[in-house]
Protein backbone atom coordinates (compact mmCIF):
# COMPACT_ATOMS: atom_id res chain seq x y z
CA MET A 1 -46.15 11.91 2.45
CA ALA A 2 -43.35 10.13 0.36
CA PHE A 3 -42.04 8.64 3.63
CA GLN A 4 -45.40 8.16 4.60
CA ALA A 5 -46.03 5.85 1.21
CA LEU A 6 -42.73 4.36 1.97
CA ALA A 7 -43.63 3.80 5.47
CA ALA A 8 -46.34 1.35 4.75
CA ASN A 9 -44.55 -1.30 2.90
CA ARG A 10 -41.64 -1.03 5.11
CA ALA A 11 -40.22 -4.18 4.62
CA ARG A 12 -41.25 -3.79 0.87
CA ALA A 13 -38.99 -0.20 1.02
CA LEU A 14 -35.66 -2.27 2.97
CA LEU A 15 -35.23 -4.83 0.68
CA THR A 16 -34.88 -2.31 -2.30
CA MET A 17 -32.82 0.02 -0.09
CA LEU A 18 -31.27 -3.23 -0.28
CA GLY A 19 -29.00 -2.47 -2.98
CA ILE A 20 -27.99 1.30 -1.97
CA ILE A 21 -27.11 -0.06 1.78
CA ILE A 22 -24.73 -2.55 -0.18
CA GLY A 23 -23.60 -0.58 -2.51
CA VAL A 24 -22.94 2.67 0.34
CA ALA A 25 -21.07 0.11 2.61
CA ALA A 26 -18.69 -1.03 -0.10
CA VAL A 27 -17.60 1.53 -1.98
CA ILE A 28 -16.56 3.21 1.47
CA THR A 29 -15.13 0.24 2.45
CA MET A 30 -13.27 -0.42 -0.79
CA THR A 31 -11.98 2.99 -0.42
CA ALA A 32 -10.77 3.08 2.86
CA ILE A 33 -9.06 -0.59 2.43
CA GLY A 34 -7.46 1.42 -0.93
CA GLN A 35 -6.06 4.37 0.74
CA GLY A 36 -4.94 1.93 3.94
CA ALA A 37 -3.11 -0.46 1.49
CA GLN A 38 -0.97 2.31 0.22
CA GLN A 39 -0.47 4.66 3.13
CA VAL A 40 0.45 0.80 4.55
CA ILE A 41 3.06 0.26 1.80
CA ALA A 42 4.65 3.81 2.03
CA ASN A 43 5.73 3.73 5.07
CA GLN A 44 6.55 0.54 4.38
CA ILE A 45 9.25 1.89 2.08
CA ASN A 46 9.62 4.77 4.08
CA SER A 47 11.25 2.51 6.72
CA MET A 48 13.35 1.38 3.82
CA GLY A 49 15.15 4.23 4.00
CA SER A 50 14.54 8.02 3.15
CA ASN A 51 15.88 8.80 -0.50
CA MET A 52 17.62 6.26 -1.30
CA LEU A 53 18.83 4.55 -4.62
CA GLN A 54 20.21 0.99 -4.38
CA ILE A 55 23.81 0.32 -6.86
CA ASP A 56 23.33 -3.66 -7.90
CA PRO A 57 25.73 -5.34 -10.56
CA GLY A 58 24.63 -5.84 -13.27
CA PRO A 59 24.48 -8.87 -15.85
CA MET A 60 27.76 -11.12 -16.60
CA ASN A 61 28.12 -12.72 -20.20
CA ILE A 62 29.76 -15.77 -20.13
CA GLY A 63 30.29 -17.42 -24.01
CA GLY A 64 26.95 -15.19 -24.85
CA VAL A 65 25.47 -16.82 -22.44
CA SER A 66 23.92 -13.73 -19.48
CA SER A 67 24.15 -14.81 -15.52
CA GLY A 68 21.30 -12.19 -15.24
CA ALA A 69 20.98 -8.82 -12.23
CA GLY A 70 23.89 -9.16 -9.90
CA GLY A 71 25.59 -11.73 -11.52
CA SER A 72 28.74 -9.12 -12.67
CA VAL A 73 32.43 -8.46 -10.04
CA HIS A 74 32.41 -5.54 -11.23
CA LEU A 75 30.81 -3.64 -8.46
CA VAL A 76 34.00 -2.51 -6.23
CA GLU A 77 34.23 -0.91 -2.90
CA GLN A 78 36.77 1.89 -4.70
CA ASP A 79 32.97 3.23 -6.58
CA ALA A 80 31.53 3.30 -3.25
CA ASP A 81 34.30 5.66 -2.67
CA ALA A 82 33.99 7.25 -6.50
CA LEU A 83 30.44 7.91 -5.22
CA ARG A 84 31.45 10.51 -2.01
CA ALA A 85 32.76 13.12 -4.90
CA SER A 86 28.72 13.27 -6.45
CA PRO A 87 27.54 16.65 -5.37
CA TYR A 88 23.86 14.83 -5.65
CA VAL A 89 24.98 12.31 -2.45
CA THR A 90 25.08 12.48 1.43
CA ASP A 91 25.86 9.70 1.98
CA VAL A 92 27.66 6.24 0.41
CA ALA A 93 27.27 2.44 2.58
CA ALA A 94 29.43 -0.29 0.25
CA SER A 95 27.65 -3.58 0.71
CA VAL A 96 27.94 -7.58 1.10
CA ASP A 97 24.94 -9.71 1.89
CA THR A 98 24.77 -13.45 2.54
CA ARG A 99 22.91 -16.18 4.60
CA ALA A 100 24.43 -17.82 7.69
CA GLN A 101 23.85 -20.38 10.58
CA VAL A 102 23.98 -18.66 13.73
CA VAL A 103 24.77 -20.46 17.15
CA ALA A 104 24.16 -18.73 20.20
CA GLY A 105 24.79 -20.97 23.27
CA ASN A 106 21.57 -24.32 21.98
CA ALA A 107 19.88 -22.07 19.87
CA ASN A 108 20.56 -21.66 16.04
CA TRP A 109 19.48 -19.69 13.42
CA GLN A 110 19.75 -19.12 10.30
CA THR A 111 19.60 -15.37 9.20
CA ARG A 112 20.62 -12.94 6.78
CA ILE A 113 23.99 -11.07 7.04
CA THR A 114 24.46 -7.79 6.10
CA GLY A 115 28.48 -6.31 5.67
CA SER A 116 27.60 -2.41 5.74
CA THR A 117 29.62 0.32 6.91
CA PRO A 118 28.42 2.94 10.01
CA GLU A 119 26.19 5.50 7.27
CA ILE A 120 24.65 2.10 5.62
CA MET A 121 21.70 3.34 9.43
CA GLY A 122 20.89 6.95 7.95
CA ILE A 123 20.85 5.21 4.62
CA ARG A 124 18.61 1.80 5.73
CA ASN A 125 16.70 4.31 8.62
CA TYR A 126 18.31 1.50 11.20
CA SER A 127 18.70 2.53 15.15
CA VAL A 128 19.98 0.85 17.49
CA SER A 129 17.50 0.15 20.52
CA GLU A 130 19.94 -1.21 22.92
CA GLY A 131 24.26 -1.16 22.63
CA GLU A 132 25.78 0.30 20.74
CA MET A 133 26.89 0.17 16.66
CA PHE A 134 30.04 -0.33 14.51
CA THR A 135 32.93 2.36 14.09
CA ASP A 136 34.74 3.18 10.66
CA ALA A 137 37.42 1.58 12.75
CA ASP A 138 35.84 -1.25 13.35
CA ALA A 139 34.59 -1.76 9.94
CA LYS A 140 38.15 -1.39 8.64
CA MET A 141 39.80 -3.27 10.38
CA GLY A 142 37.27 -6.63 10.28
CA ARG A 143 36.89 -6.80 13.24
CA LYS A 144 34.07 -9.45 14.37
CA VAL A 145 31.05 -7.22 15.96
CA CYS A 146 28.04 -7.33 14.99
CA LEU A 147 24.40 -6.48 15.77
CA LEU A 148 21.03 -8.53 16.08
CA GLY A 149 17.60 -7.37 15.09
CA LYS A 150 14.65 -8.08 16.56
CA THR A 151 14.22 -11.36 15.13
CA VAL A 152 17.04 -12.65 15.80
CA ALA A 153 17.87 -12.09 19.01
CA ASP A 154 14.62 -13.48 20.02
CA ASN A 155 15.48 -16.89 18.17
CA LEU A 156 18.68 -16.59 19.83
CA PHE A 157 18.33 -15.88 23.04
CA GLY A 158 14.85 -15.54 24.24
CA GLU A 159 12.18 -12.95 23.84
CA GLY A 160 12.84 -10.09 25.85
CA ALA A 161 16.34 -10.71 26.61
CA ASP A 162 19.60 -8.63 26.89
CA PRO A 163 21.84 -9.75 24.23
CA VAL A 164 24.65 -7.59 23.72
CA GLY A 165 28.13 -8.17 25.10
CA GLN A 166 26.98 -12.06 24.01
CA SER A 167 29.06 -14.31 21.66
CA ILE A 168 27.20 -15.58 18.77
CA ARG A 169 29.16 -17.88 16.28
CA ILE A 170 28.38 -16.62 11.94
CA GLY A 171 29.11 -19.93 9.86
CA ASN A 172 32.48 -20.64 11.78
CA ILE A 173 33.70 -17.02 13.58
CA PRO A 174 32.61 -16.23 16.32
CA PHE A 175 31.22 -12.49 16.84
CA MET A 176 30.87 -10.74 19.86
CA VAL A 177 27.55 -8.91 20.14
CA ILE A 178 27.55 -5.61 20.56
CA GLY A 179 23.80 -3.65 20.43
CA LEU A 180 20.47 -4.14 19.06
CA LEU A 181 19.04 -3.27 16.37
CA LYS A 182 15.06 -1.25 16.14
CA ALA A 183 12.06 -3.04 15.28
CA LYS A 184 11.08 -2.11 12.28
CA GLY A 185 8.96 -4.86 10.87
CA SER A 186 7.92 -6.00 7.19
CA ASN A 187 8.81 -4.50 4.10
CA SER A 188 6.55 -3.95 1.34
CA TYR A 189 7.65 -7.53 -0.29
CA GLY A 190 6.28 -9.35 3.44
CA GLN A 191 9.83 -9.81 4.30
CA ASP A 192 11.21 -9.56 7.90
CA GLN A 193 13.52 -6.13 8.35
CA ASP A 194 14.49 -8.01 11.74
CA ASP A 195 15.58 -10.68 10.26
CA ASN A 196 19.28 -9.75 9.89
CA ILE A 197 22.44 -8.81 11.70
CA LEU A 198 24.39 -6.45 11.02
CA ALA A 199 27.78 -6.22 11.03
CA PRO A 200 31.72 -4.82 9.45
CA PHE A 201 32.25 -4.83 5.29
CA SER A 202 35.39 -5.90 6.03
CA THR A 203 34.37 -9.01 7.99
CA ILE A 204 32.05 -10.04 6.00
CA GLN A 205 33.33 -9.69 2.75
CA ARG A 206 36.85 -11.07 3.27
CA ARG A 207 36.11 -13.25 6.08
CA LEU A 208 33.00 -14.96 5.66
CA MET A 209 32.00 -14.45 2.00
CA GLY A 210 35.41 -14.54 0.88
CA ILE A 211 35.07 -12.40 -1.95
CA THR A 212 36.84 -9.43 -3.44
CA TRP A 213 33.32 -7.37 -4.95
CA LEU A 214 30.70 -5.83 -3.85
CA GLU A 215 26.45 -7.47 -4.31
CA ASP A 216 25.53 -3.33 -3.04
CA ILE A 217 26.28 0.06 -3.44
CA PHE A 218 23.39 2.14 -1.36
CA VAL A 219 23.31 5.78 -1.46
CA SER A 220 21.15 8.75 -0.25
CA THR A 221 20.74 11.94 -2.34
CA ILE A 222 20.39 14.99 -0.57
CA SER A 223 16.46 15.10 -1.70
CA THR A 224 13.72 12.99 -3.08
CA ASP A 225 13.54 15.76 -5.57
CA MET A 226 17.14 15.72 -7.20
CA THR A 227 16.49 12.07 -7.13
CA GLU A 228 16.59 11.09 -10.96
CA ILE A 229 19.49 14.21 -11.21
CA ALA A 230 21.74 11.42 -8.36
CA ILE A 231 20.65 8.55 -10.31
CA ALA A 232 21.98 10.50 -13.75
CA ASP A 233 25.48 11.47 -12.33
CA VAL A 234 26.32 8.32 -9.94
CA THR A 235 25.52 6.95 -13.39
CA ARG A 236 27.43 8.95 -15.12
CA ILE A 237 30.71 8.57 -12.69
CA LEU A 238 30.11 4.52 -12.72
CA ARG A 239 30.78 4.22 -16.35
CA ILE A 240 33.52 6.31 -16.02
CA GLN A 241 34.44 3.90 -13.48
CA HIS A 242 34.33 0.77 -15.72
CA LYS A 243 35.71 2.33 -18.17
CA LEU A 244 32.11 2.48 -20.26
CA SER A 245 32.08 2.94 -23.99
CA GLY A 246 29.58 5.88 -24.96
CA THR A 247 27.50 2.91 -26.58
CA GLY A 248 28.83 -0.15 -24.49
CA SER A 249 25.28 -1.07 -21.46
CA ASP A 250 25.75 -0.57 -18.03
CA ASP A 251 26.84 -4.05 -15.85
CA PHE A 252 25.54 -2.55 -13.06
CA ARG A 253 21.80 -1.22 -12.16
CA VAL A 254 20.63 1.75 -10.33
CA ARG A 255 17.51 1.43 -8.68
CA SER A 256 15.23 3.86 -6.75
CA GLN A 257 12.69 4.44 -3.44
CA VAL A 258 11.29 6.65 -5.51
CA GLU A 259 10.49 4.27 -8.25
CA MET A 260 9.52 1.29 -5.74
CA ALA A 261 6.75 3.76 -4.10
CA GLN A 262 5.24 4.75 -7.02
CA ALA A 263 4.72 0.79 -8.34
CA ALA A 264 3.28 -0.17 -5.61
CA ALA A 265 1.11 3.34 -5.66
CA GLN A 266 -0.27 2.61 -9.00
CA SER A 267 -0.37 -1.07 -8.10
CA THR A 268 -2.89 -0.29 -5.24
CA GLU A 269 -4.86 1.76 -6.89
CA THR A 270 -5.41 0.00 -9.66
CA MET A 271 -6.91 -2.44 -7.45
CA THR A 272 -8.51 -0.22 -5.93
CA ASP A 273 -9.92 1.80 -8.85
CA LEU A 274 -12.16 -2.29 -9.19
CA LEU A 275 -12.82 -2.88 -6.02
CA ARG A 276 -14.47 0.01 -6.23
CA MET A 277 -15.98 -0.83 -9.72
CA ALA A 278 -18.31 -4.00 -7.70
CA ALA A 279 -19.50 -1.34 -5.53
CA VAL A 280 -20.41 1.16 -8.79
CA ILE A 281 -21.75 -2.21 -10.11
CA SER A 282 -23.68 -2.77 -6.78
CA LEU A 283 -25.04 0.30 -6.47
CA VAL A 284 -26.97 0.21 -9.99
CA VAL A 285 -28.06 -2.34 -8.99
CA GLY A 286 -30.14 -1.49 -5.91
CA GLY A 287 -30.54 1.55 -8.62
CA ILE A 288 -32.68 -0.74 -10.61
CA GLY A 289 -34.47 -2.25 -8.28
CA ILE A 290 -35.71 1.29 -7.34
CA MET A 291 -36.96 2.02 -10.54
CA ASN A 292 -38.72 -0.96 -10.70
CA ILE A 293 -39.94 -1.71 -6.78
CA MET A 294 -41.85 2.62 -8.36
CA LEU A 295 -43.59 0.77 -11.35
CA VAL A 296 -45.07 -1.41 -9.30
CA SER A 297 -46.21 1.44 -6.92
CA VAL A 298 -47.51 4.16 -9.41
CA THR A 299 -49.37 0.76 -10.06
CA GLU A 300 -50.91 -0.22 -7.35
CA ARG A 301 -51.63 3.64 -6.88
CA THR A 302 -53.02 4.49 -10.93
CA ARG A 303 -56.67 6.01 -8.52
CA GLU A 304 -54.67 7.67 -6.03
CA ILE A 305 -53.05 9.69 -8.82
CA GLY A 306 -56.25 10.25 -10.21
CA ILE A 307 -57.76 11.58 -7.15
CA ARG A 308 -55.22 13.27 -7.19
CA LYS A 309 -55.79 14.89 -10.29
CA SER A 310 -58.91 14.92 -10.44
CA ILE A 311 -58.81 18.23 -7.29
CA GLY A 312 -57.00 20.29 -8.91
CA ALA A 313 -53.13 18.07 -8.71
CA LYS A 314 -50.92 19.17 -11.57
CA ARG A 315 -48.09 17.36 -13.75
CA SER A 316 -45.03 18.92 -11.70
CA ASN A 317 -46.49 17.85 -8.16
CA ILE A 318 -47.14 14.12 -9.05
CA LEU A 319 -43.94 13.83 -10.64
CA THR A 320 -42.84 15.47 -7.79
CA GLN A 321 -44.47 13.43 -4.38
CA PHE A 322 -43.18 9.72 -7.03
CA LEU A 323 -39.72 11.51 -7.53
CA THR A 324 -39.52 12.36 -3.69
CA GLU A 325 -40.00 8.99 -2.88
CA ALA A 326 -37.54 7.46 -5.47
CA VAL A 327 -34.90 9.79 -3.56
CA ALA A 328 -35.87 8.77 -0.37
CA LEU A 329 -35.65 5.42 -0.82
CA SER A 330 -31.92 5.70 -2.21
CA LEU A 331 -30.88 8.44 0.63
CA SER A 332 -31.98 6.67 3.15
CA GLY A 333 -30.12 3.17 1.72
CA GLY A 334 -27.42 5.55 1.33
CA ALA A 335 -27.46 6.78 4.98
CA ILE A 336 -27.19 3.13 6.44
CA GLY A 337 -24.86 2.41 4.46
CA VAL A 338 -22.41 5.25 5.18
CA VAL A 339 -22.62 3.75 8.56
CA LEU A 340 -22.74 -0.19 7.79
CA GLY A 341 -19.40 0.86 5.60
CA PHE A 342 -17.54 2.05 8.71
CA LEU A 343 -18.54 -0.55 10.68
CA ALA A 344 -17.19 -2.48 7.47
CA SER A 345 -13.87 -0.87 8.10
CA ASP A 346 -13.22 -0.73 12.04
CA PHE A 347 -14.44 -4.65 11.70
CA VAL A 348 -11.58 -5.29 9.50
CA SER A 349 -8.97 -3.01 10.61
CA HIS A 350 -8.90 -4.64 13.39
CA GLN A 351 -9.63 -8.35 12.00
CA ASN A 352 -5.79 -7.98 10.07
CA GLY A 353 -4.57 -5.16 11.73
CA TRP A 354 -4.56 -2.72 8.51
CA SER A 355 -3.81 0.87 9.28
CA LEU A 356 -7.39 1.97 7.22
CA ILE A 357 -8.50 5.56 6.35
CA ILE A 358 -12.16 7.20 5.70
CA ALA A 359 -11.63 9.45 3.69
CA PRO A 360 -14.59 12.37 3.88
CA GLN A 361 -14.74 12.45 -0.31
CA ALA A 362 -15.61 8.86 -0.20
CA VAL A 363 -18.62 9.68 1.86
CA GLY A 364 -19.83 12.39 0.54
CA LEU A 365 -19.09 10.68 -2.99
CA SER A 366 -21.55 8.49 -1.40
CA PHE A 367 -24.67 10.44 -1.05
CA ALA A 368 -24.05 12.02 -4.31
CA ALA A 369 -23.95 8.48 -5.79
CA ALA A 370 -27.13 7.53 -3.54
CA THR A 371 -28.45 10.72 -4.63
CA ALA A 372 -27.96 10.46 -8.64
CA VAL A 373 -29.27 7.17 -8.72
CA GLY A 374 -33.04 7.98 -7.36
CA VAL A 375 -32.99 10.33 -9.51
CA PHE A 376 -31.44 8.72 -12.19
CA PHE A 377 -33.78 5.77 -11.54
CA GLY A 378 -37.26 7.26 -9.85
CA TRP A 379 -37.56 9.99 -12.71
CA TYR A 380 -38.47 6.86 -15.50
CA PRO A 381 -41.35 6.20 -13.60
CA ALA A 382 -42.27 8.98 -11.59
CA MET A 383 -42.38 10.18 -15.66
CA LYS A 384 -45.05 7.73 -15.86
CA ALA A 385 -47.02 9.03 -13.22
CA ALA A 386 -47.28 12.24 -13.96
CA ARG A 387 -48.14 11.47 -17.27
CA LEU A 388 -51.31 9.22 -16.49
CA ASP A 389 -54.90 10.81 -17.88
CA PRO A 390 -57.06 11.37 -14.80
CA ILE A 391 -60.46 9.67 -16.57
CA GLU A 392 -58.45 6.24 -17.03
CA ALA A 393 -56.58 6.62 -14.45
CA LEU A 394 -60.13 7.02 -11.80
CA ARG A 395 -61.51 4.04 -13.72
CA TYR A 396 -58.89 1.53 -12.96
CA GLU A 397 -59.47 -0.97 -11.05
């Protein structure tokens, strides 16, 4: 009977359901976008290195003026060697970075140059797709060899070309390309991880940059669970190395992937919550629409209610009838909203190349919310109908 009553006014019922449809579809789509974004960020952070700690120089004060983070020249190769003694560390890689113009034949490209040791491969999750990695001997001897990221190789030699064995110039120094790094894509900051060149540490530090200090030390901890303990031990070792007193501030900074992942997850979770709130508002608006149309329906069907009561219908029968209509409206809208939510999620995924995750909990929550909206906003009109006096209802024109 509830569906028959709704079918008698199809257009009105569809317009009434529209708020619920939009709300449920929005809940599913926004949840999928939020969870997909969290997964993408987690994958990007993991691609930067598993269990990784990054140690940067701290600020340097000159005449009371701070240079800001990274201004200190106190981080040296001996610090990296000292960190290898930590029982919570598996690999340590000293590193320097600069940007330079790279030339190959008639092509040139400005890119990031990273000088490090072979341990950087495991720490930063690098792998070689063609050729080979330089060795510890190459790093110590300062050989002029390098590995190209895919973006650099494509711009210098053309897409799909094999750069291994070719000669390039970094600045004014000739280098032999001995390998091609496997593509990693962009990181969580939008930085292209393939737009780089990897070369032996001492070659870049001394010949290209002309410095004696380090710009980074990358450390791999024994496990993610031991990250905090590893940070404390790394801090202790470096403070001893730098002869810092108990009250002196650190002249270095230790960052972990765990902190970066937590910050990124918190940011995306906040955005997802805001999107969910917008979807909930749509559900509430849809519920108000249901209440409005049910009140109109009660008014229109006053004589029908009077007839039903006069032939024996109880208050509970009238209450159930109109409450069922309200719930039927919300559940029908919820079902259509779920379908539209899946379609919208698939569209967003294909248009933006995102990996969206539609959780079963989101679908269940949407149906539960739709039911709750139907019951909550349908209760008052149903109670109003159930309390009508049959004699007054029969007199109603």
